[in-house]
């Protein structure tokens, strides 16, 4: 049986983009995470210390977003994965990082990067 934790629509304000104003003022991003780890101990013993504390993870990511400044969502997504790997024992991560209102003339949509990282 495959089990993963899904955290949807983490809103982040980050200074990411090619335009200088994007890096100075920042903009809204949305993050969806899918996290695979060993949930057996938590499931069997109902032990919060044996699972991913998603409340703590969301706070860490929100705090980190305030500190970052880079040109691409690719780089930003990599920073997110590094933060998760440093703090939690995750076997596989899938993330969807979305720039909610990219400053593209005549474009009303969103731009996302989808990345999957697995430990070897």
PDB file of N, CA and C in Angstrom:
ATOM      1  N   UNK A   1       0.851  -1.175   0.000  1.00  0.00           N
ATOM      2  CA  UNK A   1       0.000   0.000   0.000  1.00  0.00           C
ATOM      3  C   UNK A   1       0.901   1.243   0.000  1.00  0.00           C
ATOM      4  N   UNK A   2       0.600   2.167  -0.856  1.00  0.00           N
ATOM      5  CA  UNK A   2       1.348   3.421  -0.919  1.00  0.00           C
ATOM      6  C   UNK A   2       0.634   4.483  -0.085  1.00  0.00           C
ATOM      7  N   UNK A   3       1.396   5.130   0.787  1.00  0.00           N
ATOM      8  CA  UNK A   3       0.845   6.172   1.646  1.00  0.00           C
ATOM      9  C   UNK A   3       1.719   7.402   1.552  1.00  0.00           C
ATOM     10  N   UNK A   4       1.081   8.544   1.423  1.00  0.00           N
ATOM     11  CA  UNK A   4       1.820   9.803   1.432  1.00  0.00           C
ATOM     12  C   UNK A   4       0.975  10.869   2.092  1.00  0.00           C
ATOM     13  N   UNK A   5       1.657  11.901   2.556  1.00  0.00           N
ATOM     14  CA  UNK A   5       0.993  13.042   3.171  1.00  0.00           C
ATOM     15  C   UNK A   5       0.871  14.123   2.109  1.00  0.00           C
ATOM     16  N   UNK A   6      -0.301  14.685   1.945  1.00  0.00           N
ATOM     17  CA  UNK A   6      -0.541  15.742   0.968  1.00  0.00           C
ATOM     18  C   UNK A   6      -0.884  17.023   1.726  1.00  0.00           C
ATOM     19  N   UNK A   7      -0.141  18.081   1.445  1.00  0.00           N
ATOM     20  CA  UNK A   7      -0.404  19.391   2.038  1.00  0.00           C
ATOM     21  C   UNK A   7      -0.693  20.329   0.877  1.00  0.00           C
ATOM     22  N   UNK A   8      -1.885  20.883   0.847  1.00  0.00           N
ATOM     23  CA  UNK A   8      -2.317  21.692  -0.293  1.00  0.00           C
ATOM     24  C   UNK A   8      -2.372  23.178   0.022  1.00  0.00           C
ATOM     25  N   UNK A   9      -2.066  23.956  -0.994  1.00  0.00           N
ATOM     26  CA  UNK A   9      -2.282  25.405  -1.001  1.00  0.00           C
ATOM     27  C   UNK A   9      -1.607  26.129   0.165  1.00  0.00           C
ATOM     28  N   UNK A  10      -0.329  25.848   0.340  1.00  0.00           N
ATOM     29  CA  UNK A  10       0.459  26.640   1.283  1.00  0.00           C
ATOM     30  C   UNK A  10       0.740  27.964   0.583  1.00  0.00           C
ATOM     31  N   UNK A  11       0.262  29.052   1.132  1.00  0.00           N
ATOM     32  CA  UNK A  11       0.485  30.347   0.487  1.00  0.00           C
ATOM     33  C   UNK A  11       1.781  30.951   1.015  1.00  0.00           C
ATOM     34  N   UNK A  12       2.604  31.374   0.067  1.00  0.00           N
ATOM     35  CA  UNK A  12       3.918  31.926   0.387  1.00  0.00           C
ATOM     36  C   UNK A  12       4.100  33.248  -0.346  1.00  0.00           C
ATOM     37  N   UNK A  13       4.689  34.208   0.320  1.00  0.00           N
ATOM     38  CA  UNK A  13       5.044  35.480  -0.308  1.00  0.00           C
ATOM     39  C   UNK A  13       6.558  35.465  -0.451  1.00  0.00           C
ATOM     40  N   UNK A  14       7.033  35.406  -1.703  1.00  0.00           N
ATOM     41  CA  UNK A  14       8.469  35.269  -1.936  1.00  0.00           C
ATOM     42  C   UNK A  14       8.941  36.226  -3.024  1.00  0.00           C
ATOM     43  N   UNK A  15      10.214  36.546  -2.951  1.00  0.00           N
ATOM     44  CA  UNK A  15      10.827  37.466  -3.915  1.00  0.00           C
ATOM     45  C   UNK A  15      11.550  36.650  -4.989  1.00  0.00           C
ATOM     46  N   UNK A  16      10.760  36.177  -5.945  1.00  0.00           N
ATOM     47  CA  UNK A  16      11.265  35.304  -7.000  1.00  0.00           C
ATOM     48  C   UNK A  16      10.770  35.822  -8.339  1.00  0.00           C
ATOM     49  N   UNK A  17      11.693  36.031  -9.274  1.00  0.00           N
ATOM     50  CA  UNK A  17      11.291  36.433 -10.612  1.00  0.00           C
ATOM     51  C   UNK A  17      12.416  37.106 -11.362  1.00  0.00           C
ATOM     52  N   UNK A  18      12.246  37.171 -12.655  1.00  0.00           N
ATOM     53  CA  UNK A  18      13.243  37.779 -13.532  1.00  0.00           C
ATOM     54  C   UNK A  18      13.222  39.301 -13.402  1.00  0.00           C
ATOM     55  N   UNK A  19      12.050  39.865 -13.243  1.00  0.00           N
ATOM     56  CA  UNK A  19      11.939  41.319 -13.135  1.00  0.00           C
ATOM     57  C   UNK A  19      12.424  41.795 -11.767  1.00  0.00           C
ATOM     58  N   UNK A  20      13.101  42.910 -11.759  1.00  0.00           N
ATOM     59  CA  UNK A  20      13.640  43.462 -10.518  1.00  0.00           C
ATOM     60  C   UNK A  20      12.546  43.683  -9.468  1.00  0.00           C
ATOM     61  N   UNK A  21      11.388  44.167  -9.908  1.00  0.00           N
ATOM     62  CA  UNK A  21      10.277  44.400  -8.991  1.00  0.00           C
ATOM     63  C   UNK A  21       9.780  43.132  -8.321  1.00  0.00           C
ATOM     64  N   UNK A  22       9.853  42.021  -9.029  1.00  0.00           N
ATOM     65  CA  UNK A  22       9.439  40.744  -8.448  1.00  0.00           C
ATOM     66  C   UNK A  22      10.351  40.362  -7.278  1.00  0.00           C
ATOM     67  N   UNK A  23      11.635  40.640  -7.424  1.00  0.00           N
ATOM     68  CA  UNK A  23      12.589  40.305  -6.363  1.00  0.00           C
ATOM     69  C   UNK A  23      12.591  41.349  -5.247  1.00  0.00           C
ATOM     70  N   UNK A  24      12.210  42.580  -5.552  1.00  0.00           N
ATOM     71  CA  UNK A  24      12.168  43.620  -4.517  1.00  0.00           C
ATOM     72  C   UNK A  24      10.892  43.537  -3.682  1.00  0.00           C
ATOM     73  N   UNK A  25       9.754  43.452  -4.367  1.00  0.00           N
ATOM     74  CA  UNK A  25       8.460  43.494  -3.679  1.00  0.00           C
ATOM     75  C   UNK A  25       7.916  42.111  -3.314  1.00  0.00           C
ATOM     76  N   UNK A  26       8.267  41.122  -4.103  1.00  0.00           N
ATOM     77  CA  UNK A  26       7.742  39.783  -3.892  1.00  0.00           C
ATOM     78  C   UNK A  26       6.383  39.594  -4.523  1.00  0.00           C
ATOM     79  N   UNK A  27       5.903  38.383  -4.450  1.00  0.00           N
ATOM     80  CA  UNK A  27       4.596  38.044  -5.010  1.00  0.00           C
ATOM     81  C   UNK A  27       4.096  36.743  -4.395  1.00  0.00           C
ATOM     82  N   UNK A  28       2.847  36.444  -4.657  1.00  0.00           N
ATOM     83  CA  UNK A  28       2.185  35.294  -4.062  1.00  0.00           C
ATOM     84  C   UNK A  28       2.489  34.005  -4.823  1.00  0.00           C
ATOM     85  N   UNK A  29       2.820  32.983  -4.060  1.00  0.00           N
ATOM     86  CA  UNK A  29       3.017  31.635  -4.580  1.00  0.00           C
ATOM     87  C   UNK A  29       2.108  30.691  -3.824  1.00  0.00           C
ATOM     88  N   UNK A  30       1.763  29.589  -4.469  1.00  0.00           N
ATOM     89  CA  UNK A  30       1.007  28.519  -3.837  1.00  0.00           C
ATOM     90  C   UNK A  30       1.842  27.253  -3.953  1.00  0.00           C
ATOM     91  N   UNK A  31       1.881  26.477  -2.891  1.00  0.00           N
ATOM     92  CA  UNK A  31       2.694  25.267  -2.863  1.00  0.00           C
ATOM     93  C   UNK A  31       1.841  24.082  -2.438  1.00  0.00           C
ATOM     94  N   UNK A  32       1.908  23.019  -3.228  1.00  0.00           N
ATOM     95  CA  UNK A  32       1.305  21.739  -2.869  1.00  0.00           C
ATOM     96  C   UNK A  32       2.433  20.741  -2.685  1.00  0.00           C
ATOM     97  N   UNK A  33       2.392  19.996  -1.598  1.00  0.00           N
ATOM     98  CA  UNK A  33       3.422  19.014  -1.297  1.00  0.00           C
ATOM     99  C   UNK A  33       2.816  17.626  -1.152  1.00  0.00           C
ATOM    100  N   UNK A  34       3.542  16.638  -1.648  1.00  0.00           N
ATOM    101  CA  UNK A  34       3.223  15.237  -1.467  1.00  0.00           C
ATOM    102  C   UNK A  34       4.476  14.627  -0.855  1.00  0.00           C
ATOM    103  N   UNK A  35       4.363  14.040   0.335  1.00  0.00           N
ATOM    104  CA  UNK A  35       5.525  13.562   1.076  1.00  0.00           C
ATOM    105  C   UNK A  35       5.366  12.082   1.407  1.00  0.00           C
ATOM    106  N   UNK A  36       6.352  11.299   0.968  1.00  0.00           N
ATOM    107  CA  UNK A  36       6.374   9.880   1.259  1.00  0.00           C
ATOM    108  C   UNK A  36       7.413   9.622   2.338  1.00  0.00           C
ATOM    109  N   UNK A  37       7.014   8.919   3.365  1.00  0.00           N
ATOM    110  CA  UNK A  37       7.928   8.523   4.428  1.00  0.00           C
ATOM    111  C   UNK A  37       7.380   7.249   5.060  1.00  0.00           C
ATOM    112  N   UNK A  38       8.049   6.738   6.059  1.00  0.00           N
ATOM    113  CA  UNK A  38       7.573   5.538   6.740  1.00  0.00           C
ATOM    114  C   UNK A  38       6.572   5.956   7.819  1.00  0.00           C
ATOM    115  N   UNK A  39       5.325   5.718   7.554  1.00  0.00           N
ATOM    116  CA  UNK A  39       4.257   6.080   8.498  1.00  0.00           C
ATOM    117  C   UNK A  39       3.902   4.933   9.434  1.00  0.00           C
ATOM    118  N   UNK A  40       4.627   3.820   9.355  1.00  0.00           N
ATOM    119  CA  UNK A  40       4.281   2.625  10.128  1.00  0.00           C
ATOM    120  C   UNK A  40       4.280   2.875  11.632  1.00  0.00           C
ATOM    121  N   UNK A  41       5.342   3.466  12.164  1.00  0.00           N
ATOM    122  CA  UNK A  41       5.436   3.695  13.613  1.00  0.00           C
ATOM    123  C   UNK A  41       4.335   4.624  14.102  1.00  0.00           C
ATOM    124  N   UNK A  42       4.061   5.644  13.329  1.00  0.00           N
ATOM    125  CA  UNK A  42       2.993   6.575  13.703  1.00  0.00           C
ATOM    126  C   UNK A  42       1.634   5.872  13.673  1.00  0.00           C
ATOM    127  N   UNK A  43       1.426   5.074  12.650  1.00  0.00           N
ATOM    128  CA  UNK A  43       0.152   4.372  12.495  1.00  0.00           C
ATOM    129  C   UNK A  43      -0.067   3.358  13.619  1.00  0.00           C
ATOM    130  N   UNK A  44       0.971   2.606  13.943  1.00  0.00           N
ATOM    131  CA  UNK A  44       0.829   1.561  14.954  1.00  0.00           C
ATOM    132  C   UNK A  44       0.733   2.111  16.372  1.00  0.00           C
ATOM    133  N   UNK A  45       1.484   3.185  16.668  1.00  0.00           N
ATOM    134  CA  UNK A  45       1.574   3.678  18.036  1.00  0.00           C
ATOM    135  C   UNK A  45       0.940   5.046  18.247  1.00  0.00           C
ATOM    136  N   UNK A  46       0.356   5.598  17.196  1.00  0.00           N
ATOM    137  CA  UNK A  46      -0.279   6.916  17.279  1.00  0.00           C
ATOM    138  C   UNK A  46       0.678   7.940  17.897  1.00  0.00           C
ATOM    139  N   UNK A  47       1.925   7.908  17.420  1.00  0.00           N
ATOM    140  CA  UNK A  47       2.988   8.743  17.968  1.00  0.00           C
ATOM    141  C   UNK A  47       3.280   9.908  17.026  1.00  0.00           C
ATOM    142  N   UNK A  48       2.963  11.121  17.457  1.00  0.00           N
ATOM    143  CA  UNK A  48       3.142  12.326  16.648  1.00  0.00           C
ATOM    144  C   UNK A  48       4.612  12.553  16.286  1.00  0.00           C
ATOM    145  N   UNK A  49       5.514  12.060  17.126  1.00  0.00           N
ATOM    146  CA  UNK A  49       6.950  12.241  16.867  1.00  0.00           C
ATOM    147  C   UNK A  49       7.453  11.334  15.744  1.00  0.00           C
ATOM    148  N   UNK A  50       6.622  10.395  15.324  1.00  0.00           N
ATOM    149  CA  UNK A  50       7.017   9.438  14.288  1.00  0.00           C
ATOM    150  C   UNK A  50       6.385   9.765  12.932  1.00  0.00           C
ATOM    151  N   UNK A  51       5.958  10.994  12.778  1.00  0.00           N
ATOM    152  CA  UNK A  51       5.375  11.408  11.506  1.00  0.00           C
ATOM    153  C   UNK A  51       5.892  12.806  11.165  1.00  0.00           C
ATOM    154  N   UNK A  52       5.407  13.350  10.092  1.00  0.00           N
ATOM    155  CA  UNK A  52       5.794  14.701   9.674  1.00  0.00           C
ATOM    156  C   UNK A  52       4.892  15.700  10.395  1.00  0.00           C
ATOM    157  N   UNK A  53       5.486  16.583  11.142  1.00  0.00           N
ATOM    158  CA  UNK A  53       4.730  17.642  11.802  1.00  0.00           C
ATOM    159  C   UNK A  53       4.461  18.720  10.752  1.00  0.00           C
ATOM    160  N   UNK A  54       3.322  18.618  10.084  1.00  0.00           N
ATOM    161  CA  UNK A  54       3.046  19.512   8.963  1.00  0.00           C
ATOM    162  C   UNK A  54       2.811  20.948   9.403  1.00  0.00           C
ATOM    163  N   UNK A  55       2.383  21.150  10.624  1.00  0.00           N
ATOM    164  CA  UNK A  55       2.237  22.515  11.134  1.00  0.00           C
ATOM    165  C   UNK A  55       3.610  23.187  11.202  1.00  0.00           C
ATOM    166  N   UNK A  56       4.581  22.463  11.741  1.00  0.00           N
ATOM    167  CA  UNK A  56       5.947  22.976  11.816  1.00  0.00           C
ATOM    168  C   UNK A  56       6.525  23.200  10.416  1.00  0.00           C
ATOM    169  N   UNK A  57       6.283  22.270   9.514  1.00  0.00           N
ATOM    170  CA  UNK A  57       6.788  22.388   8.148  1.00  0.00           C
ATOM    171  C   UNK A  57       6.246  23.634   7.455  1.00  0.00           C
ATOM    172  N   UNK A  58       4.960  23.884   7.577  1.00  0.00           N
ATOM    173  CA  UNK A  58       4.357  25.065   6.950  1.00  0.00           C
ATOM    174  C   UNK A  58       4.977  26.346   7.512  1.00  0.00           C
ATOM    175  N   UNK A  59       5.166  26.399   8.814  1.00  0.00           N
ATOM    176  CA  UNK A  59       5.777  27.590   9.425  1.00  0.00           C
ATOM    177  C   UNK A  59       7.215  27.799   8.950  1.00  0.00           C
ATOM    178  N   UNK A  60       7.967  26.725   8.840  1.00  0.00           N
ATOM    179  CA  UNK A  60       9.346  26.820   8.347  1.00  0.00           C
ATOM    180  C   UNK A  60       9.362  27.355   6.918  1.00  0.00           C
ATOM    181  N   UNK A  61       8.492  26.838   6.081  1.00  0.00           N
ATOM    182  CA  UNK A  61       8.453  27.272   4.682  1.00  0.00           C
ATOM    183  C   UNK A  61       8.013  28.732   4.550  1.00  0.00           C
ATOM    184  N   UNK A  62       7.057  29.153   5.358  1.00  0.00           N
ATOM    185  CA  UNK A  62       6.625  30.551   5.335  1.00  0.00           C
ATOM    186  C   UNK A  62       7.743  31.485   5.789  1.00  0.00           C
ATOM    187  N   UNK A  63       8.469  31.075   6.804  1.00  0.00           N
ATOM    188  CA  UNK A  63       9.588  31.878   7.293  1.00  0.00           C
ATOM    189  C   UNK A  63      10.699  31.948   6.246  1.00  0.00           C
ATOM    190  N   UNK A  64      11.006  30.839   5.632  1.00  0.00           N
ATOM    191  CA  UNK A  64      12.052  30.781   4.612  1.00  0.00           C
ATOM    192  C   UNK A  64      11.685  31.636   3.407  1.00  0.00           C
ATOM    193  N   UNK A  65      10.426  31.683   3.060  1.00  0.00           N
ATOM    194  CA  UNK A  65       9.982  32.454   1.894  1.00  0.00           C
ATOM    195  C   UNK A  65      10.326  33.933   2.044  1.00  0.00           C
ATOM    196  N   UNK A  66      10.309  34.427   3.258  1.00  0.00           N
ATOM    197  CA  UNK A  66      10.624  35.837   3.510  1.00  0.00           C
ATOM    198  C   UNK A  66      12.095  36.148   3.245  1.00  0.00           C
ATOM    199  N   UNK A  67      12.941  35.138   3.291  1.00  0.00           N
ATOM    200  CA  UNK A  67      14.387  35.336   3.203  1.00  0.00           C
ATOM    201  C   UNK A  67      14.954  35.118   1.810  1.00  0.00           C
ATOM    202  N   UNK A  68      14.209  34.456   0.947  1.00  0.00           N
ATOM    203  CA  UNK A  68      14.764  34.073  -0.338  1.00  0.00           C
ATOM    204  C   UNK A  68      14.607  35.182  -1.382  1.00  0.00           C
ATOM    205  N   UNK A  69      15.565  35.263  -2.275  1.00  0.00           N
ATOM    206  CA  UNK A  69      15.492  36.133  -3.444  1.00  0.00           C
ATOM    207  C   UNK A  69      16.243  35.428  -4.565  1.00  0.00           C
ATOM    208  N   UNK A  70      15.520  35.066  -5.630  1.00  0.00           N
ATOM    209  CA  UNK A  70      16.152  34.387  -6.757  1.00  0.00           C
ATOM    210  C   UNK A  70      15.369  34.686  -8.037  1.00  0.00           C
ATOM    211  N   UNK A  71      15.932  34.295  -9.148  1.00  0.00           N
ATOM    212  CA  UNK A  71      15.337  34.592 -10.449  1.00  0.00           C
ATOM    213  C   UNK A  71      14.255  33.596 -10.875  1.00  0.00           C
ATOM    214  N   UNK A  72      14.414  32.313 -10.530  1.00  0.00           N
ATOM    215  CA  UNK A  72      13.530  31.291 -11.110  1.00  0.00           C
ATOM    216  C   UNK A  72      12.763  30.490 -10.059  1.00  0.00           C
ATOM    217  N   UNK A  73      11.589  30.015 -10.468  1.00  0.00           N
ATOM    218  CA  UNK A  73      10.832  29.116  -9.590  1.00  0.00           C
ATOM    219  C   UNK A  73      11.529  27.756  -9.501  1.00  0.00           C
ATOM    220  N   UNK A  74      12.357  27.434 -10.488  1.00  0.00           N
ATOM    221  CA  UNK A  74      13.128  26.195 -10.421  1.00  0.00           C
ATOM    222  C   UNK A  74      14.090  26.239  -9.222  1.00  0.00           C
ATOM    223  N   UNK A  75      14.789  27.337  -9.083  1.00  0.00           N
ATOM    224  CA  UNK A  75      15.718  27.511  -7.958  1.00  0.00           C
ATOM    225  C   UNK A  75      14.950  27.523  -6.632  1.00  0.00           C
ATOM    226  N   UNK A  76      13.848  28.249  -6.610  1.00  0.00           N
ATOM    227  CA  UNK A  76      13.047  28.324  -5.390  1.00  0.00           C
ATOM    228  C   UNK A  76      12.538  26.941  -4.998  1.00  0.00           C
ATOM    229  N   UNK A  77      12.077  26.150  -5.970  1.00  0.00           N
ATOM    230  CA  UNK A  77      11.590  24.801  -5.661  1.00  0.00           C
ATOM    231  C   UNK A  77      12.707  23.938  -5.083  1.00  0.00           C
ATOM    232  N   UNK A  78      13.915  24.111  -5.571  1.00  0.00           N
ATOM    233  CA  UNK A  78      15.054  23.366  -5.046  1.00  0.00           C
ATOM    234  C   UNK A  78      15.352  23.759  -3.600  1.00  0.00           C
ATOM    235  N   UNK A  79      15.238  25.045  -3.288  1.00  0.00           N
ATOM    236  CA  UNK A  79      15.426  25.522  -1.908  1.00  0.00           C
ATOM    237  C   UNK A  79      14.396  24.873  -0.975  1.00  0.00           C
ATOM    238  N   UNK A  80      13.175  24.764  -1.434  1.00  0.00           N
ATOM    239  CA  UNK A  80      12.109  24.145  -0.633  1.00  0.00           C
ATOM    240  C   UNK A  80      12.444  22.689  -0.331  1.00  0.00           C
ATOM    241  N   UNK A  81      12.890  21.959  -1.338  1.00  0.00           N
ATOM    242  CA  UNK A  81      13.247  20.551  -1.147  1.00  0.00           C
ATOM    243  C   UNK A  81      14.398  20.420  -0.154  1.00  0.00           C
ATOM    244  N   UNK A  82      15.395  21.287  -0.247  1.00  0.00           N
ATOM    245  CA  UNK A  82      16.520  21.230   0.682  1.00  0.00           C
ATOM    246  C   UNK A  82      16.064  21.457   2.124  1.00  0.00           C
ATOM    247  N   UNK A  83      15.167  22.396   2.313  1.00  0.00           N
ATOM    248  CA  UNK A  83      14.640  22.671   3.657  1.00  0.00           C
ATOM    249  C   UNK A  83      13.908  21.450   4.212  1.00  0.00           C
ATOM    250  N   UNK A  84      13.085  20.840   3.398  1.00  0.00           N
ATOM    251  CA  UNK A  84      12.337  19.653   3.834  1.00  0.00           C
ATOM    252  C   UNK A  84      13.295  18.524   4.191  1.00  0.00           C
ATOM    253  N   UNK A  85      14.293  18.299   3.348  1.00  0.00           N
ATOM    254  CA  UNK A  85      15.251  17.210   3.582  1.00  0.00           C
ATOM    255  C   UNK A  85      16.101  17.436   4.823  1.00  0.00           C
ATOM    256  N   UNK A  86      16.408  18.686   5.150  1.00  0.00           N
ATOM    257  CA  UNK A  86      17.205  18.981   6.335  1.00  0.00           C
ATOM    258  C   UNK A  86      16.448  18.696   7.632  1.00  0.00           C
ATOM    259  N   UNK A  87      15.154  18.903   7.612  1.00  0.00           N
ATOM    260  CA  UNK A  87      14.365  18.845   8.846  1.00  0.00           C
ATOM    261  C   UNK A  87      13.623  17.514   9.044  1.00  0.00           C
ATOM    262  N   UNK A  88      13.240  16.858   7.951  1.00  0.00           N
ATOM    263  CA  UNK A  88      12.367  15.691   8.049  1.00  0.00           C
ATOM    264  C   UNK A  88      12.952  14.499   7.296  1.00  0.00           C
ATOM    265  N   UNK A  89      12.580  13.311   7.723  1.00  0.00           N
ATOM    266  CA  UNK A  89      13.008  12.078   7.073  1.00  0.00           C
ATOM    267  C   UNK A  89      11.992  11.705   5.989  1.00  0.00           C
ATOM    268  N   UNK A  90      12.220  12.214   4.807  1.00  0.00           N
ATOM    269  CA  UNK A  90      11.296  12.005   3.700  1.00  0.00           C
ATOM    270  C   UNK A  90      11.976  11.144   2.645  1.00  0.00           C
ATOM    271  N   UNK A  91      11.277  10.143   2.146  1.00  0.00           N
ATOM    272  CA  UNK A  91      11.824   9.257   1.118  1.00  0.00           C
ATOM    273  C   UNK A  91      11.644   9.822  -0.285  1.00  0.00           C
ATOM    274  N   UNK A  92      10.525  10.481  -0.486  1.00  0.00           N
ATOM    275  CA  UNK A  92      10.186  11.015  -1.810  1.00  0.00           C
ATOM    276  C   UNK A  92       9.349  12.262  -1.615  1.00  0.00           C
ATOM    277  N   UNK A  93       9.589  13.256  -2.467  1.00  0.00           N
ATOM    278  CA  UNK A  93       8.850  14.516  -2.406  1.00  0.00           C
ATOM    279  C   UNK A  93       8.356  14.857  -3.801  1.00  0.00           C
ATOM    280  N   UNK A  94       7.104  15.219  -3.881  1.00  0.00           N
ATOM    281  CA  UNK A  94       6.567  15.820  -5.097  1.00  0.00           C
ATOM    282  C   UNK A  94       6.064  17.191  -4.687  1.00  0.00           C
ATOM    283  N   UNK A  95       6.462  18.203  -5.441  1.00  0.00           N
ATOM    284  CA  UNK A  95       5.950  19.531  -5.136  1.00  0.00           C
ATOM    285  C   UNK A  95       5.421  20.190  -6.396  1.00  0.00           C
ATOM    286  N   UNK A  96       4.432  21.011  -6.184  1.00  0.00           N
ATOM    287  CA  UNK A  96       3.888  21.856  -7.253  1.00  0.00           C
ATOM    288  C   UNK A  96       3.961  23.275  -6.721  1.00  0.00           C
ATOM    289  N   UNK A  97       4.869  24.053  -7.286  1.00  0.00           N
ATOM    290  CA  UNK A  97       5.064  25.444  -6.886  1.00  0.00           C
ATOM    291  C   UNK A  97       4.474  26.326  -7.973  1.00  0.00           C
ATOM    292  N   UNK A  98       3.510  27.162  -7.590  1.00  0.00           N
ATOM    293  CA  UNK A  98       2.766  27.969  -8.547  1.00  0.00           C
ATOM    294  C   UNK A  98       2.960  29.447  -8.285  1.00  0.00           C
ATOM    295  N   UNK A  99       3.340  30.159  -9.338  1.00  0.00           N
ATOM    296  CA  UNK A  99       3.377  31.623  -9.300  1.00  0.00           C
ATOM    297  C   UNK A  99       1.960  32.058  -9.655  1.00  0.00           C
ATOM    298  N   UNK A 100       1.258  32.652  -8.700  1.00  0.00           N
ATOM    299  CA  UNK A 100      -0.182  32.886  -8.829  1.00  0.00           C
ATOM    300  C   UNK A 100      -0.551  33.986  -9.825  1.00  0.00           C
ATOM    301  N   UNK A 101       0.290  34.985  -9.979  1.00  0.00           N
ATOM    302  CA  UNK A 101      -0.026  36.090 -10.900  1.00  0.00           C
ATOM    303  C   UNK A 101       1.253  36.574 -11.589  1.00  0.00           C
ATOM    304  N   UNK A 102       1.789  35.763 -12.496  1.00  0.00           N
ATOM    305  CA  UNK A 102       3.024  36.173 -13.153  1.00  0.00           C
ATOM    306  C   UNK A 102       2.806  37.455 -13.967  1.00  0.00           C
ATOM    307  N   UNK A 103       3.786  38.365 -13.919  1.00  0.00           N
ATOM    308  CA  UNK A 103       3.618  39.650 -14.610  1.00  0.00           C
ATOM    309  C   UNK A 103       3.885  39.532 -16.118  1.00  0.00           C
ATOM    310  N   UNK A 104       2.945  38.896 -16.810  1.00  0.00           N
ATOM    311  CA  UNK A 104       3.048  38.717 -18.249  1.00  0.00           C
ATOM    312  C   UNK A 104       1.873  39.454 -18.886  1.00  0.00           C
ATOM    313  N   UNK A 105       2.175  40.413 -19.716  1.00  0.00           N
ATOM    314  CA  UNK A 105       1.135  41.219 -20.360  1.00  0.00           C
ATOM    315  C   UNK A 105       0.168  40.332 -21.146  1.00  0.00           C
ATOM    316  N   UNK A 106      -1.115  40.511 -20.883  1.00  0.00           N
ATOM    317  CA  UNK A 106      -2.158  39.772 -21.590  1.00  0.00           C
ATOM    318  C   UNK A 106      -2.331  38.329 -21.140  1.00  0.00           C
ATOM    319  N   UNK A 107      -1.716  37.971 -20.036  1.00  0.00           N
ATOM    320  CA  UNK A 107      -1.800  36.603 -19.525  1.00  0.00           C
ATOM    321  C   UNK A 107      -2.472  36.614 -18.172  1.00  0.00           C
ATOM    322  N   UNK A 108      -3.535  35.841 -18.050  1.00  0.00           N
ATOM    323  CA  UNK A 108      -4.336  35.781 -16.828  1.00  0.00           C
ATOM    324  C   UNK A 108      -4.087  34.537 -15.989  1.00  0.00           C
ATOM    325  N   UNK A 109      -3.268  33.640 -16.488  1.00  0.00           N
ATOM    326  CA  UNK A 109      -3.110  32.345 -15.844  1.00  0.00           C
ATOM    327  C   UNK A 109      -2.055  32.299 -14.766  1.00  0.00           C
ATOM    328  N   UNK A 110      -1.698  31.101 -14.430  1.00  0.00           N
ATOM    329  CA  UNK A 110      -0.683  30.824 -13.421  1.00  0.00           C
ATOM    330  C   UNK A 110       0.424  30.014 -14.078  1.00  0.00           C
ATOM    331  N   UNK A 111       1.586  30.025 -13.465  1.00  0.00           N
ATOM    332  CA  UNK A 111       2.711  29.229 -13.952  1.00  0.00           C
ATOM    333  C   UNK A 111       3.192  28.354 -12.802  1.00  0.00           C
ATOM    334  N   UNK A 112       3.364  27.072 -13.076  1.00  0.00           N
ATOM    335  CA  UNK A 112       3.788  26.134 -12.033  1.00  0.00           C
ATOM    336  C   UNK A 112       4.968  25.308 -12.499  1.00  0.00           C
ATOM    337  N   UNK A 113       5.735  24.877 -11.523  1.00  0.00           N
ATOM    338  CA  UNK A 113       6.737  23.852 -11.771  1.00  0.00           C
ATOM    339  C   UNK A 113       6.350  22.653 -10.916  1.00  0.00           C
ATOM    340  N   UNK A 114       6.464  21.477 -11.499  1.00  0.00           N
ATOM    341  CA  UNK A 114       6.188  20.230 -10.791  1.00  0.00           C
ATOM    342  C   UNK A 114       7.499  19.461 -10.743  1.00  0.00           C
ATOM    343  N   UNK A 115       7.902  19.097  -9.543  1.00  0.00           N
ATOM    344  CA  UNK A 115       9.171  18.380  -9.378  1.00  0.00           C
ATOM    345  C   UNK A 115       8.958  17.180  -8.458  1.00  0.00           C
ATOM    346  N   UNK A 116       9.690  16.126  -8.758  1.00  0.00           N
ATOM    347  CA  UNK A 116       9.657  14.924  -7.931  1.00  0.00           C
ATOM    348  C   UNK A 116      11.098  14.576  -7.577  1.00  0.00           C
ATOM    349  N   UNK A 117      11.349  14.425  -6.283  1.00  0.00           N
ATOM    350  CA  UNK A 117      12.679  14.083  -5.771  1.00  0.00           C
ATOM    351  C   UNK A 117      12.548  12.789  -4.970  1.00  0.00           C
ATOM    352  N   UNK A 118      13.447  11.874  -5.212  1.00  0.00           N
ATOM    353  CA  UNK A 118      13.457  10.627  -4.451  1.00  0.00           C
ATOM    354  C   UNK A 118      14.865  10.356  -3.946  1.00  0.00           C
ATOM    355  N   UNK A 119      14.950   9.883  -2.710  1.00  0.00           N
ATOM    356  CA  UNK A 119      16.260   9.478  -2.171  1.00  0.00           C
ATOM    357  C   UNK A 119      16.642   8.164  -2.815  1.00  0.00           C
ATOM    358  N   UNK A 120      17.893   8.030  -3.142  1.00  0.00           N
ATOM    359  CA  UNK A 120      18.375   6.789  -3.764  1.00  0.00           C
ATOM    360  C   UNK A 120      18.728   5.748  -2.742  1.00  0.00           C
TER     361      UNK A 120
END
